[in-house]
């Protein structure tokens, strides 16, 4: 596959998010790679992996747990709640910065998507409603359990864990954090009018369902400043066996509450033709980053056009960045794109992680 961006493409123009000046508007989307150590510390290959992709306007890291209990959806995913984890993320930040890049860490709590065989803890969520899915555990595929409903006190504790992880990210030298409230994980679960059946102040009305996410954003902004904070949402996205009858109201309530904070950007996982995307775009005055769902093939021509029209401020690209560390250069000159190796997406080691060839590698090989 090849695609050539126009010389004057909006995607190639510099932009600003928060206080950051970025070289282009093609961000690397967060991608779970399941290569962290058993204790949630990023692997020794992580600095190289991310630094290889530093030509992205902004790198958004793989989803990273805010506490030990926040993990459990996949094996070998990283965290940011211990000194050892923070030290390794500091190595990643330094490597990316040396390569001229910028990077946010995406923070999550997997909620009802956790399995105790992976995390060692019971799954939790807004209500005792299980996702009708199976996950890979150390002893094979198993169905996800019915989660226990969080208490109000536990919700407040998790807000503090997001705050603490954001502090660690910035102290590690990261340029900011992205709060993961999409794709069926804990914060997204609270937004749903189906998965969230609570009758207290965190359930029922759109405003109440948006409250948890808003409190997390407010706490993190208070800790590290609005310029270093962003939010990812996916209204109407069915990933994680999510269902939302009303795909708009809770998001309108959320954006209305956090808009005055002036966060760096809003990251929306959606097809641009979806009614929910139109509703969000209408309401959000700040920078909007679009990421089309993983089931959709990346349409570079459409993304270029949306950026040109000003519908989006930037785009987040996943698998194409995974397989093409020098994606920006390849799109600029219309070079052939590497094909992602699905088999190695979640496998350990360098294969399919740090060994995708760059154009310079190909030239060197051909010259030899």
Protein backbone atom coordinates (compact mmCIF):
# COMPACT_ATOMS: atom_id res chain seq x y z
CA UNK A 1 0.00 0.00 0.00
CA UNK A 2 1.16 3.53 -0.76
CA UNK A 3 -0.27 6.98 -0.18
CA UNK A 4 1.32 10.37 -0.77
CA UNK A 5 0.36 13.36 1.30
CA UNK A 6 0.11 16.63 -0.57
CA UNK A 7 3.13 18.87 -0.15
CA UNK A 8 0.92 21.44 1.59
CA UNK A 9 -1.07 18.82 3.53
CA UNK A 10 -2.62 20.05 6.76
CA UNK A 11 -1.38 16.86 8.42
CA UNK A 12 2.22 17.96 7.82
CA UNK A 13 1.75 21.43 9.31
CA UNK A 14 3.00 22.23 12.81
CA UNK A 15 0.44 22.58 15.57
CA UNK A 16 0.19 23.33 19.26
CA UNK A 17 -1.47 21.28 21.98
CA UNK A 18 -1.36 22.76 25.44
CA UNK A 19 2.05 24.37 25.70
CA UNK A 20 3.65 21.92 23.24
CA UNK A 21 4.73 22.88 19.75
CA UNK A 22 4.45 19.80 17.55
CA UNK A 23 6.10 19.18 14.18
CA UNK A 24 3.01 17.67 12.52
CA UNK A 25 -0.56 16.56 13.14
CA UNK A 26 -0.08 12.80 12.85
CA UNK A 27 -0.07 11.31 16.34
CA UNK A 28 0.83 7.75 17.22
CA UNK A 29 -2.27 6.19 18.78
CA UNK A 30 -2.00 4.19 22.02
CA UNK A 31 -1.32 0.52 21.27
CA UNK A 32 -1.26 -2.30 23.82
CA UNK A 33 1.79 -4.47 23.08
CA UNK A 34 1.91 -6.84 26.11
CA UNK A 35 5.67 -6.67 26.54
CA UNK A 36 6.01 -5.22 30.03
CA UNK A 37 7.73 -7.11 32.83
CA UNK A 38 5.62 -9.17 35.22
CA UNK A 39 5.58 -6.30 37.74
CA UNK A 40 4.23 -3.81 35.18
CA UNK A 41 7.57 -2.16 34.40
CA UNK A 42 7.99 -1.33 30.69
CA UNK A 43 10.42 -3.70 28.99
CA UNK A 44 14.04 -2.90 28.23
CA UNK A 45 13.01 -2.53 24.56
CA UNK A 46 10.39 0.16 25.24
CA UNK A 47 12.77 3.16 24.96
CA UNK A 48 13.95 1.96 21.55
CA UNK A 49 10.41 1.15 20.36
CA UNK A 50 9.04 4.58 21.16
CA UNK A 51 12.14 6.51 20.07
CA UNK A 52 11.95 4.84 16.65
CA UNK A 53 8.56 6.53 16.20
CA UNK A 54 9.59 9.98 17.43
CA UNK A 55 8.75 11.64 14.09
CA UNK A 56 5.07 11.40 15.04
CA UNK A 57 3.70 14.79 16.02
CA UNK A 58 2.93 13.27 19.40
CA UNK A 59 3.36 9.73 20.71
CA UNK A 60 0.59 8.48 22.98
CA UNK A 61 1.84 5.52 24.98
CA UNK A 62 0.19 2.15 25.40
CA UNK A 63 -2.46 2.12 28.12
CA UNK A 64 -0.77 2.22 31.53
CA UNK A 65 -2.35 1.21 34.84
CA UNK A 66 -2.73 3.75 37.65
CA UNK A 67 -2.52 1.05 40.35
CA UNK A 68 -1.99 -2.69 40.60
CA UNK A 69 -5.73 -3.36 40.71
CA UNK A 70 -6.25 -1.30 37.55
CA UNK A 71 -4.61 -3.95 35.37
CA UNK A 72 -5.90 -7.37 34.34
CA UNK A 73 -7.42 -7.05 30.88
CA UNK A 74 -4.25 -8.30 29.17
CA UNK A 75 -1.08 -9.94 30.35
CA UNK A 76 2.18 -7.96 30.62
CA UNK A 77 0.77 -4.46 30.38
CA UNK A 78 2.63 -1.60 32.08
CA UNK A 79 1.83 0.51 35.12
CA UNK A 80 2.91 3.81 36.60
CA UNK A 81 2.53 3.41 40.36
CA UNK A 82 5.97 2.23 41.53
CA UNK A 83 9.41 3.83 41.50
CA UNK A 84 10.78 1.09 39.23
CA UNK A 85 8.04 1.70 36.68
CA UNK A 86 8.59 5.45 36.85
CA UNK A 87 12.32 5.04 36.31
CA UNK A 88 11.77 3.01 33.15
CA UNK A 89 9.22 5.51 31.83
CA UNK A 90 11.86 8.19 32.46
CA UNK A 91 14.21 6.24 30.17
CA UNK A 92 11.46 6.14 27.53
CA UNK A 93 10.83 9.88 27.82
CA UNK A 94 14.54 10.66 27.54
CA UNK A 95 14.94 8.42 24.47
CA UNK A 96 11.97 10.01 22.70
CA UNK A 97 13.16 13.53 23.50
CA UNK A 98 16.69 12.77 22.27
CA UNK A 99 15.12 11.67 18.99
CA UNK A 100 13.22 14.96 18.76
CA UNK A 101 9.81 13.60 19.74
CA UNK A 102 7.07 14.44 22.21
CA UNK A 103 5.11 11.95 24.30
CA UNK A 104 2.05 11.60 26.55
CA UNK A 105 1.41 8.54 28.73
CA UNK A 106 -2.10 7.12 28.51
CA UNK A 107 -3.49 6.22 31.95
CA UNK A 108 -6.24 3.66 32.51
CA UNK A 109 -8.17 1.43 34.86
CA UNK A 110 -9.60 -1.58 33.04
CA UNK A 111 -12.64 -1.97 35.30
CA UNK A 112 -14.90 -4.92 34.46
CA UNK A 113 -12.53 -5.98 31.67
CA UNK A 114 -10.13 -7.44 34.27
CA UNK A 115 -9.72 -11.11 35.06
CA UNK A 116 -8.44 -12.10 38.53
CA UNK A 117 -6.13 -14.73 37.01
CA UNK A 118 -4.21 -11.85 35.41
CA UNK A 119 -4.46 -9.09 38.01
CA UNK A 120 -4.78 -11.06 41.24
CA UNK A 121 -7.75 -8.88 42.19
CA UNK A 122 -11.49 -9.09 41.69
CA UNK A 123 -12.93 -7.16 38.77
CA UNK A 124 -14.80 -3.98 39.61
CA UNK A 125 -17.13 -1.68 37.69
CA UNK A 126 -19.99 0.75 38.10
CA UNK A 127 -22.49 -2.13 38.48
CA UNK A 128 -22.39 -5.96 38.66
CA UNK A 129 -22.80 -6.39 34.90
CA UNK A 130 -20.24 -8.59 33.16
CA UNK A 131 -18.84 -8.06 29.68
CA UNK A 132 -19.82 -11.02 27.53
CA UNK A 133 -16.24 -11.67 26.44
CA UNK A 134 -13.32 -13.99 27.02
CA UNK A 135 -9.73 -12.98 27.69
CA UNK A 136 -6.36 -14.68 27.54
CA UNK A 137 -5.16 -15.71 31.02
CA UNK A 138 -1.99 -17.58 32.03
CA UNK A 139 -4.00 -20.83 31.84
CA UNK A 140 -5.94 -20.17 28.65
CA UNK A 141 -9.00 -18.22 27.51
CA UNK A 142 -11.64 -17.64 30.16
CA UNK A 143 -14.87 -15.62 30.33
CA UNK A 144 -14.77 -12.31 32.15
CA UNK A 145 -16.36 -12.46 35.61
CA UNK A 146 -19.22 -10.42 37.00
CA UNK A 147 -17.59 -7.31 38.51
CA UNK A 148 -18.26 -5.96 41.97
CA UNK A 149 -19.79 -2.49 42.05
CA UNK A 150 -17.36 0.12 43.36
CA UNK A 151 -18.23 1.99 46.53
CA UNK A 152 -18.17 5.78 46.56
CA UNK A 153 -15.07 5.62 48.74
CA UNK A 154 -13.32 3.41 46.20
CA UNK A 155 -14.24 5.78 43.37
CA UNK A 156 -12.63 8.62 45.30
CA UNK A 157 -9.54 6.46 45.84
CA UNK A 158 -9.25 5.73 42.12
CA UNK A 159 -9.49 9.45 41.35
CA UNK A 160 -6.47 9.87 43.61
CA UNK A 161 -4.64 7.06 41.83
CA UNK A 162 -5.07 8.81 38.47
CA UNK A 163 -3.72 11.97 40.08
CA UNK A 164 -0.71 10.14 41.52
CA UNK A 165 0.09 8.36 38.23
CA UNK A 166 -0.07 11.67 36.36
CA UNK A 167 2.37 13.17 38.84
CA UNK A 168 4.74 10.27 38.29
CA UNK A 169 4.46 10.64 34.50
CA UNK A 170 5.40 14.30 34.56
CA UNK A 171 8.16 13.69 37.11
CA UNK A 172 9.50 11.02 34.74
CA UNK A 173 9.87 13.68 32.04
CA UNK A 174 6.78 12.93 30.00
CA UNK A 175 5.14 15.87 28.24
CA UNK A 176 1.72 14.98 29.61
CA UNK A 177 -0.92 12.32 30.14
CA UNK A 178 -4.00 11.09 28.32
CA UNK A 179 -6.89 9.81 30.47
CA UNK A 180 -8.42 6.69 28.92
CA UNK A 181 -12.22 6.90 29.06
CA UNK A 182 -12.90 4.81 25.96
CA UNK A 183 -13.15 1.29 24.53
CA UNK A 184 -15.10 -0.33 27.35
CA UNK A 185 -12.75 0.30 30.27
CA UNK A 186 -13.69 1.66 33.69
CA UNK A 187 -14.30 5.34 32.98
CA UNK A 188 -16.19 4.53 29.78
CA UNK A 189 -18.30 2.03 31.73
CA UNK A 190 -19.51 4.81 34.03
CA UNK A 191 -20.61 6.91 31.04
CA UNK A 192 -22.84 4.13 29.69
CA UNK A 193 -26.57 4.18 30.44
CA UNK A 194 -26.59 0.37 30.14
CA UNK A 195 -23.48 -0.81 31.98
CA UNK A 196 -23.90 1.83 34.69
CA UNK A 197 -27.06 1.00 36.66
CA UNK A 198 -26.13 2.91 39.83
CA UNK A 199 -28.70 4.89 41.77
CA UNK A 200 -26.27 7.12 43.68
CA UNK A 201 -24.50 10.30 42.58
CA UNK A 202 -22.46 8.40 39.97
CA UNK A 203 -25.38 6.90 38.06
CA UNK A 204 -28.74 7.68 36.53
CA UNK A 205 -28.67 11.09 34.87
CA UNK A 206 -26.14 12.00 32.16
CA UNK A 207 -24.56 14.47 34.56
CA UNK A 208 -24.13 11.81 37.24
CA UNK A 209 -22.72 9.26 34.80
CA UNK A 210 -20.16 11.84 33.65
CA UNK A 211 -19.17 12.74 37.20
CA UNK A 212 -16.43 10.13 37.72
CA UNK A 213 -14.61 11.00 34.50
CA UNK A 214 -14.92 14.71 35.21
CA UNK A 215 -13.53 14.29 38.72
CA UNK A 216 -10.54 12.40 37.35
CA UNK A 217 -9.82 15.15 34.81
CA UNK A 218 -10.21 17.85 37.42
CA UNK A 219 -7.87 16.08 39.85
CA UNK A 220 -5.19 15.48 37.21
CA UNK A 221 -5.42 19.07 35.94
CA UNK A 222 -5.05 20.27 39.52
CA UNK A 223 -1.93 18.10 39.89
CA UNK A 224 -0.02 18.74 36.65
CA UNK A 225 -1.81 21.63 34.91
CA UNK A 226 -4.26 21.65 31.97
CA UNK A 227 -1.55 21.91 29.31
CA UNK A 228 -0.35 18.42 30.23
CA UNK A 229 -3.76 16.70 30.31
CA UNK A 230 -5.92 15.15 27.58
CA UNK A 231 -8.91 12.84 27.43
CA UNK A 232 -9.86 9.93 25.19
CA UNK A 233 -13.54 9.03 24.65
CA UNK A 234 -15.39 6.70 22.29
CA UNK A 235 -19.13 7.48 22.26
CA UNK A 236 -21.09 4.61 20.78
CA UNK A 237 -18.04 2.35 20.51
CA UNK A 238 -18.98 -1.29 21.21
CA UNK A 239 -15.45 -2.42 22.11
CA UNK A 240 -15.43 -4.27 25.42
CA UNK A 241 -19.05 -5.39 24.89
CA UNK A 242 -20.13 -1.83 25.56
CA UNK A 243 -23.67 -0.65 24.95
CA UNK A 244 -24.97 2.90 25.12
CA UNK A 245 -28.59 3.57 24.20
CA UNK A 246 -28.02 7.31 24.56
CA UNK A 247 -24.65 7.91 22.93
CA UNK A 248 -24.63 11.67 23.36
CA UNK A 249 -26.09 13.09 26.60
CA UNK A 250 -23.43 11.91 29.07
CA UNK A 251 -20.68 13.14 26.76
CA UNK A 252 -22.33 16.52 26.42
CA UNK A 253 -22.53 16.74 30.21
CA UNK A 254 -18.88 15.71 30.53
CA UNK A 255 -17.57 18.16 27.96
CA UNK A 256 -19.67 20.98 29.39
CA UNK A 257 -18.11 20.40 32.81
CA UNK A 258 -14.47 20.07 31.71
CA UNK A 259 -14.42 22.64 28.88
CA UNK A 260 -13.48 25.55 31.19
CA UNK A 261 -10.35 23.66 32.28
CA UNK A 262 -8.67 24.16 28.90
CA UNK A 263 -7.06 20.73 28.56
CA UNK A 264 -4.55 20.07 25.77
CA UNK A 265 -6.82 18.03 23.49
CA UNK A 266 -9.81 15.72 23.25
CA UNK A 267 -9.10 12.36 21.58
CA UNK A 268 -12.21 10.82 20.00
CA UNK A 269 -12.41 7.22 18.76
CA UNK A 270 -15.16 7.32 16.14
CA UNK A 271 -16.03 7.19 12.50
CA UNK A 272 -16.31 10.80 11.30
CA UNK A 273 -19.75 10.03 9.85
CA UNK A 274 -21.18 8.92 13.22
CA UNK A 275 -23.85 11.18 14.80
CA UNK A 276 -22.02 11.02 18.14
CA UNK A 277 -18.87 12.42 16.54
CA UNK A 278 -20.86 15.30 15.07
CA UNK A 279 -22.34 16.06 18.49
CA UNK A 280 -18.91 16.07 20.14
CA UNK A 281 -17.36 18.17 17.37
CA UNK A 282 -20.13 20.74 17.72
CA UNK A 283 -19.62 21.09 21.45
CA UNK A 284 -15.82 20.95 21.71
CA UNK A 285 -14.01 24.20 20.93
CA UNK A 286 -10.52 22.96 21.74
CA UNK A 287 -8.14 20.74 19.78
CA UNK A 288 -9.86 17.53 18.67
CA UNK A 289 -7.86 14.44 17.71
CA UNK A 290 -9.64 11.77 15.66
CA UNK A 291 -8.83 8.06 15.81
CA UNK A 292 -10.99 5.79 13.65
CA UNK A 293 -11.88 2.42 15.28
CA UNK A 294 -9.40 -0.41 14.82
CA UNK A 295 -11.94 -2.32 12.72
CA UNK A 296 -11.70 0.41 10.08
CA UNK A 297 -8.89 0.60 7.53
CA UNK A 298 -6.96 3.86 7.83
CA UNK A 299 -8.18 6.17 5.06
CA UNK A 300 -5.31 8.65 4.78
CA UNK A 301 -7.09 10.66 2.09
CA UNK A 302 -10.11 11.16 4.32
CA UNK A 303 -7.98 12.09 7.32
CA UNK A 304 -6.05 14.58 5.22
CA UNK A 305 -9.28 16.15 4.03
CA UNK A 306 -10.76 16.37 7.54
CA UNK A 307 -7.63 18.14 8.75
CA UNK A 308 -7.71 20.47 5.75
CA UNK A 309 -11.32 21.41 6.48
CA UNK A 310 -10.54 22.03 10.15
CA UNK A 311 -12.90 19.30 11.33
CA UNK A 312 -10.02 17.77 13.29
CA UNK A 313 -6.91 19.37 14.70
CA UNK A 314 -4.87 16.17 14.43
CA UNK A 315 -5.30 12.45 13.79
CA UNK A 316 -4.15 9.44 15.80
CA UNK A 317 -2.88 6.51 13.74
CA UNK A 318 -2.35 3.06 15.23
CA UNK A 319 -1.32 0.01 13.23
CA UNK A 320 0.35 2.00 10.46
CA UNK A 321 2.69 3.58 13.04
CA UNK A 322 3.20 0.19 14.66
CA UNK A 323 4.53 -1.25 11.40
CA UNK A 324 6.17 1.92 10.04
CA UNK A 325 8.35 3.74 12.57
CA UNK A 326 9.08 6.35 9.88
CA UNK A 327 5.43 6.64 8.78
CA UNK A 328 5.52 10.42 8.38
CA UNK A 329 8.44 10.21 5.95
CA UNK A 330 6.87 7.35 4.00
CA UNK A 331 3.61 9.26 3.56
CA UNK A 332 5.50 12.41 2.58
CA UNK A 333 7.29 10.69 -0.32
CA UNK A 334 4.71 8.03 -1.13
CA UNK A 335 6.87 5.07 -0.15
CA UNK A 336 5.47 1.56 0.26
CA UNK A 337 4.14 0.89 3.75
CA UNK A 338 5.14 -2.13 5.81
CA UNK A 339 2.28 -4.53 6.55
CA UNK A 340 1.56 -5.02 10.28
CA UNK A 341 2.34 -8.53 11.50
CA UNK A 342 -0.75 -9.43 13.54
CA UNK A 343 0.89 -12.55 14.96
CA UNK A 344 3.47 -10.45 16.84
CA UNK A 345 1.16 -7.73 18.16
CA UNK A 346 1.15 -9.18 21.69
CA UNK A 347 4.12 -11.55 21.54
CA UNK A 348 7.25 -11.03 23.67
CA UNK A 349 10.61 -9.86 22.31
CA UNK A 350 11.74 -7.61 19.46
CA UNK A 351 9.96 -9.39 16.60
CA UNK A 352 7.17 -7.16 15.35
CA UNK A 353 8.17 -4.56 17.92
CA UNK A 354 11.54 -2.94 17.24
CA UNK A 355 12.50 -4.75 14.02
CA UNK A 356 10.18 -3.17 11.43
CA UNK A 357 12.48 -1.78 8.73
CA UNK A 358 12.84 1.93 8.07
CA UNK A 359 13.53 3.35 4.63
CA UNK A 360 17.16 4.04 5.52
CA UNK A 361 17.56 0.40 6.52
CA UNK A 362 16.24 -0.71 3.13
CA UNK A 363 18.59 1.63 1.26
CA UNK A 364 21.58 0.37 3.27
CA UNK A 365 20.62 -3.25 2.58
CA UNK A 366 20.19 -2.65 -1.14
CA UNK A 367 23.52 -0.76 -1.36
CA UNK A 368 25.34 -3.63 0.37
